[in-house]
Protein backbone atom coordinates (compact mmCIF):
# COMPACT_ATOMS: atom_id res chain seq x y z
CA UNK A 1 10.17 52.68 -19.22
CA UNK A 2 9.90 52.73 -23.02
CA UNK A 3 6.82 51.87 -25.06
CA UNK A 4 8.37 48.50 -25.96
CA UNK A 5 8.85 47.69 -22.25
CA UNK A 6 5.19 48.47 -21.54
CA UNK A 7 4.11 46.29 -24.50
CA UNK A 8 6.19 43.36 -23.20
CA UNK A 9 4.79 43.82 -19.69
CA UNK A 10 1.30 43.95 -21.20
CA UNK A 11 1.90 40.67 -23.08
CA UNK A 12 3.01 39.07 -19.80
CA UNK A 13 -0.27 40.14 -18.18
CA UNK A 14 -2.28 38.84 -21.14
CA UNK A 15 -0.56 35.46 -20.80
CA UNK A 16 -1.29 35.47 -17.07
CA UNK A 17 -4.94 36.36 -17.63
CA UNK A 18 -5.25 33.63 -20.30
CA UNK A 19 -4.00 30.96 -17.88
CA UNK A 20 -6.27 32.21 -15.08
CA UNK A 21 -9.35 32.22 -17.36
CA UNK A 22 -8.52 28.66 -18.49
CA UNK A 23 -8.26 27.58 -14.84
CA UNK A 24 -11.54 29.29 -13.91
CA UNK A 25 -13.38 27.46 -16.71
CA UNK A 26 -12.46 24.19 -14.98
CA UNK A 27 -14.85 24.13 -12.03
CA UNK A 28 -13.51 22.72 -8.77
CA UNK A 29 -15.41 19.62 -7.73
CA UNK A 30 -13.98 19.29 -4.23
CA UNK A 31 -11.23 20.41 -1.82
CA UNK A 32 -8.70 18.17 -3.57
CA UNK A 33 -9.39 20.09 -6.78
CA UNK A 34 -9.23 23.52 -5.15
CA UNK A 35 -6.25 23.04 -2.80
CA UNK A 36 -4.22 20.34 -4.60
CA UNK A 37 -5.22 20.87 -8.26
CA UNK A 38 -7.08 17.55 -8.20
CA UNK A 39 -3.79 15.78 -7.36
CA UNK A 40 -3.16 15.73 -11.11
CA UNK A 41 -0.13 18.05 -11.52
CA UNK A 42 2.79 16.98 -13.72
CA UNK A 43 6.49 17.32 -12.88
CA UNK A 44 6.94 20.53 -14.93
CA UNK A 45 4.18 22.37 -13.05
CA UNK A 46 5.36 21.01 -9.68
CA UNK A 47 9.03 21.94 -10.22
CA UNK A 48 8.21 25.39 -11.63
CA UNK A 49 5.85 26.07 -8.73
CA UNK A 50 8.43 24.97 -6.13
CA UNK A 51 10.92 27.41 -7.64
CA UNK A 52 8.53 30.31 -8.29
CA UNK A 53 6.99 30.01 -4.83
CA UNK A 54 10.42 30.12 -3.22
CA UNK A 55 11.61 33.19 -5.13
CA UNK A 56 10.16 36.14 -3.25
CA UNK A 57 11.22 39.35 -1.60
CA UNK A 58 14.04 37.64 0.28
CA UNK A 59 15.72 37.10 -3.11
CA UNK A 60 14.82 40.30 -4.99
CA UNK A 61 15.75 42.52 -2.07
CA UNK A 62 17.51 40.44 0.57
CA UNK A 63 19.68 38.02 -1.43
CA UNK A 64 20.94 40.62 -3.90
CA UNK A 65 21.52 42.97 -0.96
CA UNK A 66 23.41 40.23 0.90
CA UNK A 67 25.58 39.73 -2.19
CA UNK A 68 26.44 43.44 -2.23
CA UNK A 69 27.16 43.47 1.49
CA UNK A 70 28.81 40.15 2.36
CA UNK A 71 29.36 38.33 -0.94
CA UNK A 72 28.79 34.58 -0.95
CA UNK A 73 28.11 34.17 2.78
CA UNK A 74 24.40 33.46 2.14
CA UNK A 75 25.06 31.06 -0.76
CA UNK A 76 24.71 28.03 1.55
CA UNK A 77 20.95 28.64 1.77
CA UNK A 78 20.67 28.84 -2.01
CA UNK A 79 22.61 25.65 -2.76
CA UNK A 80 19.93 23.53 -1.09
CA UNK A 81 19.03 21.62 -4.23
CA UNK A 82 20.10 18.49 -2.34
CA UNK A 83 17.41 19.24 0.26
CA UNK A 84 14.75 19.28 -2.46
CA UNK A 85 16.13 15.92 -3.60
CA UNK A 86 15.63 14.70 -0.02
CA UNK A 87 12.01 15.85 -0.27
CA UNK A 88 11.57 13.87 -3.50
CA UNK A 89 13.44 10.71 -2.58
CA UNK A 90 12.83 10.36 1.18
CA UNK A 91 9.64 12.22 2.06
CA UNK A 92 7.43 11.95 -1.03
CA UNK A 93 6.75 8.22 -0.44
CA UNK A 94 5.62 8.89 3.16
CA UNK A 95 3.44 11.84 2.19
CA UNK A 96 1.98 10.02 -0.83
CA UNK A 97 1.04 6.96 1.26
CA UNK A 98 -0.63 9.07 3.94
CA UNK A 99 -2.93 10.83 1.38
CA UNK A 100 -2.91 13.95 3.58
CA UNK A 101 -3.72 17.51 2.49
CA UNK A 102 -1.49 19.31 5.00
CA UNK A 103 1.68 18.79 7.02
CA UNK A 104 -0.19 19.25 10.32
CA UNK A 105 -2.56 16.51 9.15
CA UNK A 106 0.47 14.25 8.63
CA UNK A 107 1.53 14.96 12.23
CA UNK A 108 -1.92 13.90 13.42
CA UNK A 109 -1.55 10.61 11.55
CA UNK A 110 1.93 10.09 13.01
CA UNK A 111 1.40 11.54 16.50
CA UNK A 112 -1.92 13.01 17.72
CA UNK A 113 -4.55 15.75 17.03
CA UNK A 114 -2.87 18.16 19.47
CA UNK A 115 0.36 18.12 17.42
CA UNK A 116 -1.70 18.90 14.32
CA UNK A 117 -3.45 21.89 15.88
CA UNK A 118 -0.24 23.30 17.35
CA UNK A 119 1.64 23.17 14.02
CA UNK A 120 -1.34 24.69 12.16
CA UNK A 121 -1.43 27.68 14.49
CA UNK A 122 2.36 28.19 14.25
CA UNK A 123 2.23 27.97 10.44
CA UNK A 124 -0.70 30.35 9.83
CA UNK A 125 0.58 33.03 12.22
CA UNK A 126 4.14 32.86 10.86
CA UNK A 127 2.89 33.05 7.24
CA UNK A 128 0.76 36.16 7.82
CA UNK A 129 3.17 38.02 10.11
CA UNK A 130 6.45 37.21 8.36
CA UNK A 131 6.25 35.82 4.82
CA UNK A 132 3.15 37.67 3.61
CA UNK A 133 4.11 40.87 5.40
CA UNK A 134 7.71 40.99 4.16
CA UNK A 135 6.78 40.06 0.57
CA UNK A 136 4.15 42.81 0.42
CA UNK A 137 6.50 45.38 1.95
CA UNK A 138 9.37 44.48 -0.38
CA UNK A 139 7.04 44.52 -3.40
CA UNK A 140 6.03 48.11 -2.64
CA UNK A 141 9.66 49.17 -2.16
CA UNK A 142 11.00 47.41 -5.30
CA UNK A 143 8.35 48.75 -7.67
CA UNK A 144 8.71 52.26 -6.29
CA UNK A 145 12.46 52.07 -7.03
CA UNK A 146 12.14 50.38 -10.44
CA UNK A 147 9.40 52.65 -11.82
CA UNK A 148 11.09 55.67 -10.19
CA UNK A 149 7.69 57.11 -9.20
CA UNK A 150 7.34 58.78 -5.80
CA UNK A 151 3.75 59.95 -5.86
CA UNK A 152 0.63 59.55 -8.00
CA UNK A 153 -2.05 62.25 -7.93
CA UNK A 154 -5.68 61.15 -7.46
CA UNK A 155 -8.42 63.83 -7.22
CA UNK A 156 -5.89 66.39 -6.05
CA UNK A 157 -4.26 64.11 -3.45
CA UNK A 158 -0.66 62.91 -3.72
CA UNK A 159 -0.55 59.20 -2.88
CA UNK A 160 2.76 57.47 -2.14
CA UNK A 161 3.43 55.00 -5.00
CA UNK A 162 4.53 52.48 -2.33
CA UNK A 163 0.88 52.08 -1.29
CA UNK A 164 -0.35 51.65 -4.86
CA UNK A 165 2.32 49.00 -5.57
CA UNK A 166 1.81 47.06 -2.34
CA UNK A 167 -2.00 47.06 -2.33
CA UNK A 168 -2.17 46.38 -6.08
CA UNK A 169 0.16 43.40 -5.66
CA UNK A 170 -1.96 41.92 -2.85
CA UNK A 171 -5.33 42.51 -4.53
CA UNK A 172 -4.29 41.21 -7.96
CA UNK A 173 -2.70 38.08 -6.53
CA UNK A 174 -5.53 37.58 -4.07
CA UNK A 175 -8.15 37.66 -6.83
CA UNK A 176 -6.70 34.88 -8.96
CA UNK A 177 -5.73 32.77 -5.92
CA UNK A 178 -9.23 33.07 -4.44
CA UNK A 179 -11.02 32.02 -7.62
CA UNK A 180 -8.43 29.72 -9.18
CA UNK A 181 -7.05 27.87 -6.16
CA UNK A 182 -4.00 25.64 -6.49
CA UNK A 183 -4.42 25.19 -10.25
CA UNK A 184 -3.99 28.94 -10.72
CA UNK A 185 -0.88 28.88 -8.52
CA UNK A 186 0.66 25.91 -10.35
CA UNK A 187 -0.03 26.86 -13.94
CA UNK A 188 0.76 30.56 -13.66
CA UNK A 189 4.13 29.41 -12.30
CA UNK A 190 4.80 27.66 -15.62
CA UNK A 191 4.63 31.11 -17.28
CA UNK A 192 6.27 33.04 -14.45
CA UNK A 193 9.37 30.85 -14.01
CA UNK A 194 10.87 31.28 -17.54
CA UNK A 195 10.09 35.03 -17.48
CA UNK A 196 11.88 35.34 -14.16
CA UNK A 197 14.88 33.33 -15.36
CA UNK A 198 15.22 35.18 -18.70
CA UNK A 199 15.08 38.59 -17.06
CA UNK A 200 17.48 37.72 -14.24
CA UNK A 201 20.00 36.04 -16.56
CA UNK A 202 19.94 39.22 -18.69
CA UNK A 203 20.98 41.24 -15.63
CA UNK A 204 23.77 38.76 -14.83
CA UNK A 205 25.21 38.84 -18.37
CA UNK A 206 24.92 42.61 -18.85
CA UNK A 207 26.32 43.21 -15.38
CA UNK A 208 29.37 41.02 -16.05
CA UNK A 209 29.97 42.86 -19.35
CA UNK A 210 29.68 46.25 -17.62
CA UNK A 211 32.04 45.31 -14.76
CA UNK A 212 34.68 43.93 -17.17
CA UNK A 213 34.12 40.18 -16.96
CA UNK A 214 34.26 37.41 -14.36
CA UNK A 215 37.94 37.82 -13.50
CA UNK A 216 37.50 41.55 -12.88
CA UNK A 217 34.51 40.84 -10.61
CA UNK A 218 36.52 38.27 -8.63
CA UNK A 219 39.48 40.65 -8.30
CA UNK A 220 37.35 43.51 -6.94
CA UNK A 221 35.33 41.35 -4.53
CA UNK A 222 38.36 39.42 -3.27
CA UNK A 223 39.93 42.74 -2.32
CA UNK A 224 37.12 43.23 0.23
CA UNK A 225 38.44 41.29 3.25
CA UNK A 226 36.77 41.07 6.66
CA UNK A 227 38.64 41.65 9.93
CA UNK A 228 38.89 37.86 10.21
CA UNK A 229 40.61 37.54 6.81
CA UNK A 230 37.63 36.28 4.80
CA UNK A 231 37.06 37.54 1.24
CA UNK A 232 33.62 38.34 -0.24
CA UNK A 233 34.01 35.21 -2.36
CA UNK A 234 34.67 32.93 0.65
CA UNK A 235 31.94 30.40 1.39
CA UNK A 236 33.55 29.25 4.62
CA UNK A 237 34.03 32.10 7.09
CA UNK A 238 36.10 32.21 10.27
CA UNK A 239 34.56 30.62 13.36
CA UNK A 240 34.83 34.12 14.89
CA UNK A 241 32.66 35.71 12.19
CA UNK A 242 29.72 37.32 14.08
CA UNK A 243 27.13 36.46 11.40
CA UNK A 244 28.22 33.41 9.37
CA UNK A 245 30.80 31.29 11.25
CA UNK A 246 31.56 28.03 9.45
CA UNK A 247 30.85 26.18 12.70
CA UNK A 248 27.24 27.29 12.48
CA UNK A 249 26.52 27.84 8.82
CA UNK A 250 26.89 24.26 7.55
CA UNK A 251 24.52 22.53 9.99
CA UNK A 252 22.48 25.66 10.74
CA UNK A 253 21.55 26.29 7.12
CA UNK A 254 20.78 22.58 6.70
CA UNK A 255 18.30 22.60 9.63
CA UNK A 256 16.47 25.61 8.16
CA UNK A 257 16.61 23.96 4.72
CA UNK A 258 15.25 20.67 6.04
CA UNK A 259 12.33 22.41 7.73
CA UNK A 260 11.55 24.63 4.74
CA UNK A 261 11.99 22.18 1.86
CA UNK A 262 10.82 18.93 3.46
CA UNK A 263 8.19 19.84 6.07
CA UNK A 264 6.77 23.34 5.40
CA UNK A 265 3.25 23.39 3.93
CA UNK A 266 4.24 26.31 1.70
CA UNK A 267 6.59 24.06 -0.33
CA UNK A 268 5.33 20.51 0.29
CA UNK A 269 1.83 21.37 -0.94
CA UNK A 270 3.30 21.47 -4.44
CA UNK A 271 4.42 17.80 -4.38
CA UNK A 272 1.19 16.74 -2.66
CA UNK A 273 -0.61 17.93 -5.81
CA UNK A 274 1.35 15.48 -8.00
CA UNK A 275 -0.51 12.97 -10.19
CA UNK A 276 1.47 10.15 -8.63
CA UNK A 277 4.71 9.45 -6.79
CA UNK A 278 6.73 9.54 -10.02
CA UNK A 279 5.47 13.01 -11.03
CA UNK A 280 5.95 14.34 -7.49
CA UNK A 281 9.56 13.09 -7.30
CA UNK A 282 10.45 14.32 -10.79
CA UNK A 283 8.90 17.68 -9.92
CA UNK A 284 11.21 17.82 -6.90
CA UNK A 285 14.23 16.93 -9.09
CA UNK A 286 13.26 19.67 -11.60
CA UNK A 287 12.80 22.09 -8.70
CA UNK A 288 16.27 21.13 -7.40
CA UNK A 289 17.79 22.02 -10.79
CA UNK A 290 16.04 25.41 -10.73
CA UNK A 291 17.15 26.01 -7.12
CA UNK A 292 20.78 26.04 -8.31
CA UNK A 293 20.15 29.33 -10.15
CA UNK A 294 19.44 31.97 -7.41
CA UNK A 295 23.12 32.25 -6.49
CA UNK A 296 23.86 33.25 -10.11
CA UNK A 297 20.79 35.39 -10.84
CA UNK A 298 20.48 37.25 -7.51
CA UNK A 299 23.50 36.83 -5.21
CA UNK A 300 26.24 37.35 -7.82
CA UNK A 301 24.36 40.32 -9.39
CA UNK A 302 24.46 41.81 -5.88
CA UNK A 303 28.25 41.38 -5.94
CA UNK A 304 28.29 42.93 -9.43
CA UNK A 305 26.40 45.95 -8.05
CA UNK A 306 29.05 46.28 -5.32
CA UNK A 307 31.87 46.06 -7.90
CA UNK A 308 30.23 48.62 -10.22
CA UNK A 309 29.75 50.94 -7.25
CA UNK A 310 33.44 50.53 -6.34
CA UNK A 311 34.41 51.46 -9.91
CA UNK A 312 32.12 54.49 -9.85
CA UNK A 313 29.96 53.18 -12.71
CA UNK A 314 26.74 53.20 -10.67
CA UNK A 315 25.65 54.78 -7.39
CA UNK A 316 24.30 52.28 -4.85
CA UNK A 317 22.09 54.09 -2.34
CA UNK A 318 21.90 50.98 -0.12
CA UNK A 319 22.75 47.30 -0.35
CA UNK A 320 19.05 46.38 -0.52
CA UNK A 321 18.71 48.55 -3.64
CA UNK A 322 21.30 46.41 -5.52
CA UNK A 323 18.88 44.51 -7.78
CA UNK A 324 16.54 47.42 -8.58
CA UNK A 325 19.56 49.67 -9.30
CA UNK A 326 20.92 47.17 -11.83
CA UNK A 327 17.48 47.02 -13.49
CA UNK A 328 17.28 50.79 -13.90
CA UNK A 329 20.95 51.34 -14.83
CA UNK A 330 21.89 48.41 -17.08
CA UNK A 331 18.95 47.12 -19.05
CA UNK A 332 18.32 48.21 -22.67
CA UNK A 333 14.90 48.92 -24.16
CA UNK A 334 12.71 45.82 -24.07
CA UNK A 335 14.64 43.93 -21.40
CA UNK A 336 13.39 46.17 -18.61
CA UNK A 337 9.83 45.04 -19.37
CA UNK A 338 10.92 41.38 -19.19
CA UNK A 339 12.72 41.87 -15.87
CA UNK A 340 9.89 43.85 -14.29
CA UNK A 341 7.55 41.08 -15.45
CA UNK A 342 9.93 38.61 -13.78
CA UNK A 343 9.99 40.59 -10.54
CA UNK A 344 6.20 40.81 -10.58
CA UNK A 345 6.01 37.08 -11.34
CA UNK A 346 8.27 36.23 -8.40
CA UNK A 347 6.35 38.30 -5.89
CA UNK A 348 2.91 37.23 -7.16
CA UNK A 349 3.81 33.54 -7.23
CA UNK A 350 5.26 33.65 -3.73
CA UNK A 351 2.21 35.52 -2.40
CA UNK A 352 -0.26 33.25 -4.23
CA UNK A 353 1.37 30.17 -2.67
CA UNK A 354 1.22 31.76 0.78
CA UNK A 355 -2.45 32.71 0.40
CA UNK A 356 -3.41 29.25 -0.85
CA UNK A 357 -1.38 27.38 1.80
CA UNK A 358 -2.76 29.53 4.64
CA UNK A 359 -6.35 29.08 3.45
CA UNK A 360 -5.82 25.34 3.14
CA UNK A 361 -4.41 25.08 6.66
CA UNK A 362 -7.41 26.92 8.08
CA UNK A 363 -10.03 25.02 6.07
CA UNK A 364 -8.62 21.49 6.44
CA UNK A 365 -7.01 21.65 9.88
CA UNK A 366 -9.57 23.77 11.71
CA UNK A 367 -12.88 24.26 9.94
CA UNK A 368 -13.28 20.76 8.49
CA UNK A 369 -12.13 19.20 11.75
CA UNK A 370 -14.90 20.93 13.73
CA UNK A 371 -17.57 20.71 11.00
CA UNK A 372 -16.89 17.33 9.35
CA UNK A 373 -20.34 16.77 7.85
CA UNK A 374 -20.40 19.67 5.37
CA UNK A 375 -20.28 19.17 1.59
CA UNK A 376 -17.11 19.49 -0.51
CA UNK A 377 -18.57 22.57 -2.25
CA UNK A 378 -19.04 24.15 1.17
CA UNK A 379 -15.37 23.55 2.06
CA UNK A 380 -14.25 25.09 -1.26
CA UNK A 381 -16.38 28.16 -0.45
CA UNK A 382 -14.82 28.36 3.03
CA UNK A 383 -11.38 28.07 1.40
CA UNK A 384 -12.17 31.02 -0.86
CA UNK A 385 -13.45 33.09 2.07
CA UNK A 386 -10.33 32.17 4.10
CA UNK A 387 -8.16 33.33 1.18
CA UNK A 388 -10.01 36.67 1.07
CA UNK A 389 -9.55 37.11 4.85
CA UNK A 390 -5.80 36.41 4.58
CA UNK A 391 -5.57 38.87 1.66
CA UNK A 392 -7.29 41.49 3.83
CA UNK A 393 -4.92 40.77 6.73
CA UNK A 394 -2.03 41.27 4.31
CA UNK A 395 -3.41 44.69 3.33
CA UNK A 396 -4.07 45.68 6.96
CA UNK A 397 -0.49 44.71 7.84
CA UNK A 398 1.00 47.07 5.22
CA UNK A 399 0.88 50.20 7.47
CA UNK A 400 2.72 48.28 10.19
CA UNK A 401 5.29 47.06 7.66
CA UNK A 402 5.72 50.63 6.37
CA UNK A 403 6.92 51.59 9.81
CA UNK A 404 8.89 48.54 10.94
CA UNK A 405 9.51 46.69 7.67
CA UNK A 406 13.27 47.13 7.57
CA UNK A 407 13.63 46.02 11.19
CA UNK A 408 11.40 43.00 10.63
CA UNK A 409 13.23 42.11 7.43
CA UNK A 410 16.51 41.93 9.31
CA UNK A 411 14.87 39.44 11.67
CA UNK A 412 13.33 37.24 8.93
CA UNK A 413 16.17 34.71 8.73
CA UNK A 414 16.44 34.82 12.51
CA UNK A 415 12.72 34.03 12.83
CA UNK A 416 13.09 31.05 10.48
CA UNK A 417 16.09 29.80 12.45
CA UNK A 418 13.94 29.85 15.59
CA UNK A 419 10.91 28.12 14.04
CA UNK A 420 12.87 25.44 12.21
CA UNK A 421 14.61 23.35 14.95
CA UNK A 422 11.51 22.06 16.76
CA UNK A 423 9.49 21.30 13.62
CA UNK A 424 12.46 19.69 11.84
CA UNK A 425 13.26 17.48 14.84
CA UNK A 426 9.63 16.33 15.21
CA UNK A 427 9.31 15.34 11.54
CA UNK A 428 12.76 13.74 11.41
CA UNK A 429 12.34 11.54 14.50
CA UNK A 430 8.73 10.81 13.57
CA UNK A 431 9.79 9.29 10.25
CA UNK A 432 13.06 7.68 11.37
CA UNK A 433 11.66 5.76 14.35
CA UNK A 434 8.31 4.22 15.20
CA UNK A 435 9.39 4.39 18.87
CA UNK A 436 8.94 8.17 18.92
CA UNK A 437 5.73 8.63 20.92
CA UNK A 438 2.79 11.03 20.42
CA UNK A 439 3.68 12.82 23.68
CA UNK A 440 7.27 13.29 22.44
CA UNK A 441 6.02 14.75 19.15
CA UNK A 442 3.75 17.28 20.85
CA UNK A 443 6.31 18.30 23.46
CA UNK A 444 9.03 18.56 20.82
CA UNK A 445 6.92 21.21 19.04
CA UNK A 446 6.15 23.02 22.30
CA UNK A 447 9.77 23.06 23.56
CA UNK A 448 11.18 24.13 20.20
CA UNK A 449 8.61 26.90 19.66
CA UNK A 450 8.76 28.22 23.24
CA UNK A 451 12.56 28.48 23.40
CA UNK A 452 12.67 29.90 19.87
CA UNK A 453 10.12 32.62 20.60
CA UNK A 454 11.81 33.33 23.95
CA UNK A 455 15.00 34.32 22.11
CA UNK A 456 13.02 36.34 19.54
CA UNK A 457 11.24 38.25 22.30
CA UNK A 458 14.43 38.85 24.28
CA UNK A 459 16.17 40.09 21.11
CA UNK A 460 13.70 42.97 20.96
CA UNK A 461 14.66 44.06 24.49
CA UNK A 462 18.31 43.01 24.30
CA UNK A 463 19.50 46.57 24.89
CA UNK A 464 18.04 46.57 28.40
CA UNK A 465 19.42 43.14 29.42
CA UNK A 466 22.76 43.01 31.24
CA UNK A 467 25.39 40.97 29.38
CA UNK A 468 26.51 39.46 32.68
CA UNK A 469 23.02 38.17 33.50
CA UNK A 470 22.18 34.46 33.43
CA UNK A 471 19.44 34.80 30.79
CA UNK A 472 21.73 36.77 28.46
CA UNK A 473 24.47 34.14 28.69
CA UNK A 474 22.01 31.26 28.19
CA UNK A 475 19.84 32.70 25.41
CA UNK A 476 21.29 35.82 23.76
CA UNK A 477 25.07 35.46 23.89
CA UNK A 478 25.22 32.77 21.20
CA UNK A 479 25.49 33.35 17.47
CA UNK A 480 22.04 32.89 15.85
CA UNK A 481 23.16 29.78 13.95
CA UNK A 482 24.80 28.21 17.00
CA UNK A 483 21.64 28.82 19.05
CA UNK A 484 19.58 27.14 16.32
CA UNK A 485 21.84 24.06 16.39
CA UNK A 486 21.74 23.85 20.21
CA UNK A 487 17.95 24.11 20.12
CA UNK A 488 17.65 21.39 17.47
CA UNK A 489 19.65 18.88 19.51
CA UNK A 490 17.93 19.90 22.74
CA UNK A 491 14.56 19.08 21.16
CA UNK A 492 15.86 15.73 19.86
CA UNK A 493 17.27 14.76 23.28
CA UNK A 494 14.01 15.83 24.97
CA UNK A 495 11.95 13.73 22.54
CA UNK A 496 14.13 10.66 23.07
CA UNK A 497 13.76 10.96 26.87
CA UNK A 498 9.99 11.59 26.70
CA UNK A 499 9.57 8.63 24.32
CA UNK A 500 11.32 6.38 26.84
CA UNK A 501 8.74 7.22 29.53
CA UNK A 502 5.54 7.49 27.45
CA UNK A 503 3.38 5.13 25.43
CA UNK A 504 4.17 4.69 21.70
CA UNK A 505 1.49 4.87 19.04
CA UNK A 506 -0.15 1.64 17.89
CA UNK A 507 2.24 0.27 15.19
CA UNK A 508 -0.71 -0.72 12.97
CA UNK A 509 -1.91 2.88 12.77
CA UNK A 510 1.41 4.18 11.41
CA UNK A 511 2.21 1.50 8.84
CA UNK A 512 4.00 3.16 5.94
CA UNK A 513 4.56 6.40 7.88
CA UNK A 514 7.94 5.49 9.40
CA UNK A 515 11.17 3.96 8.15
CA UNK A 516 10.97 0.20 7.99
CA UNK A 517 7.19 0.05 8.50
CA UNK A 518 6.17 0.03 4.84
CA UNK A 519 4.44 -3.06 3.52
CA UNK A 520 5.88 -5.11 0.66
CA UNK A 521 3.30 -3.59 -1.68
CA UNK A 522 4.21 -0.04 -0.59
CA UNK A 523 7.93 -0.69 -1.09
CA UNK A 524 7.23 -2.12 -4.55
CA UNK A 525 5.17 0.97 -5.46
CA UNK A 526 8.06 3.23 -4.41
CA UNK A 527 10.62 1.23 -6.42
CA UNK A 528 8.44 1.36 -9.53
CA UNK A 529 8.10 5.15 -9.30
CA UNK A 530 11.63 5.97 -10.50
CA UNK A 531 14.17 4.83 -13.08
CA UNK A 532 17.85 5.37 -13.90
CA UNK A 533 17.20 8.84 -15.37
CA UNK A 534 15.85 10.05 -12.02
CA UNK A 535 18.99 8.73 -10.32
CA UNK A 536 21.34 10.23 -12.95
CA UNK A 537 19.74 13.68 -12.73
CA UNK A 538 19.91 13.60 -8.94
CA UNK A 539 23.63 12.72 -9.09
CA UNK A 540 24.24 15.57 -11.59
CA UNK A 541 22.63 18.07 -9.18
CA UNK A 542 24.79 16.88 -6.28
CA UNK A 543 27.93 17.07 -8.45
CA UNK A 544 27.14 20.68 -9.45
CA UNK A 545 26.76 21.61 -5.78
CA UNK A 546 30.06 19.93 -4.88
CA UNK A 547 31.87 21.71 -7.75
CA UNK A 548 30.44 25.05 -6.57
CA UNK A 549 31.70 24.43 -3.03
CA UNK A 550 35.11 23.33 -4.29
CA UNK A 551 35.49 26.51 -6.42
CA UNK A 552 34.45 29.00 -3.73
CA UNK A 553 35.61 27.17 -0.59
């Protein structure tokens, strides 16, 4: 990197430090302050945080790599702005009325304490072993590629730059998350989001110029046709496609999207921090606008990397190196510093959100539940300690990721597809019908998680399982998206049957938590929280998504 690039990267860090110092000067009074920024966040901070938290290693490495390998097949997951609108319009009123801190706490209000504990355990374990682990691993890999440094010598010892990058990323992010809490996560996102967008848009524009323009890119990528006749630019793939059949991708991606955007603590915590229902909804609408960009700033650059490689203008060592290769090959002096700042921003913001959400789940759903008489300052201290522990677990997991990271990364989407059906079904039926019973909610989580993890476990040993065996035909023979859809409907059917034979929750205890149970005052509060501009912007987002699908169908 040039001197100018280092200066720009230094200015980014100064801005980050300035925001963190400002946050630290505002002492947290209670857990609401520490975990939800005092429930005083505005729509800009909420929307920026939703976007910045979402953009992690799966985009910098995985999405660009998917673009280089299979084109627009993964675009369905990135055009989920309409799911964030569902969060803002449908779920925000329920979450706001409940005044909960966590999604498991909402399940306790709607179902029972057992459902809360079960979801908390699932969430914390999945965050540490998948999201934290993969983000840390990818961070080490990306920075090693971008800086083009293999080893750094300390006291005569050559240390792999991967370790310095990965541990530095975890420690730096862990420090400001531990001391700053949710305010640090929210307000650093306001700086990180524009840096990320500016840098990524620069790669898109320079890449299109280098490849010869949009039409040239489309011509090269459309020439790459699968055995089933699908081009790289095809959104809808043959039903025989082994990875992304249209019969699975439409509903399958929506189930994962519903779970992630509407029920996962990692994302929903951002809208829970809103000053009021209006700010939370507008933050979701702003986040939905921003969510339209990853296809253009990560997936299409991956396709550009493929096209440039085909023309012999760059050498692509692997599909996962698509984004970092474009950074090193295309960017002029000055822009590389902006893009590296953007990459750092994306990984730090995603990690910070994971650390804060995991600490909150532990403190609120476990510690506070079993020690309810402690002071608010005590809970904030426990939250900080929990954050430190999760940071340490992230560091301890790095050696494991160094060995199995690539294998685990391939399974990341698969893991999400196996976690999503049960949780999505439990939240959906819980809100749609007051007849869904506490027993049905708990067993929906258990059935969904058990059958999901059964497939994940069997996948590891799939080579030793006969294809003619009963368990292979029932569990492993199906496409991953088809299995996810089957599991989702199996959980729904199971919950309906269990609800028929078990006792429903007292209707008075769930007023305002289900469709049709809101009081007149609650409905009036919801109606007063939006105006025609909120509706118009939501319609614009949906229209952009429909135009995108029409163009690339």
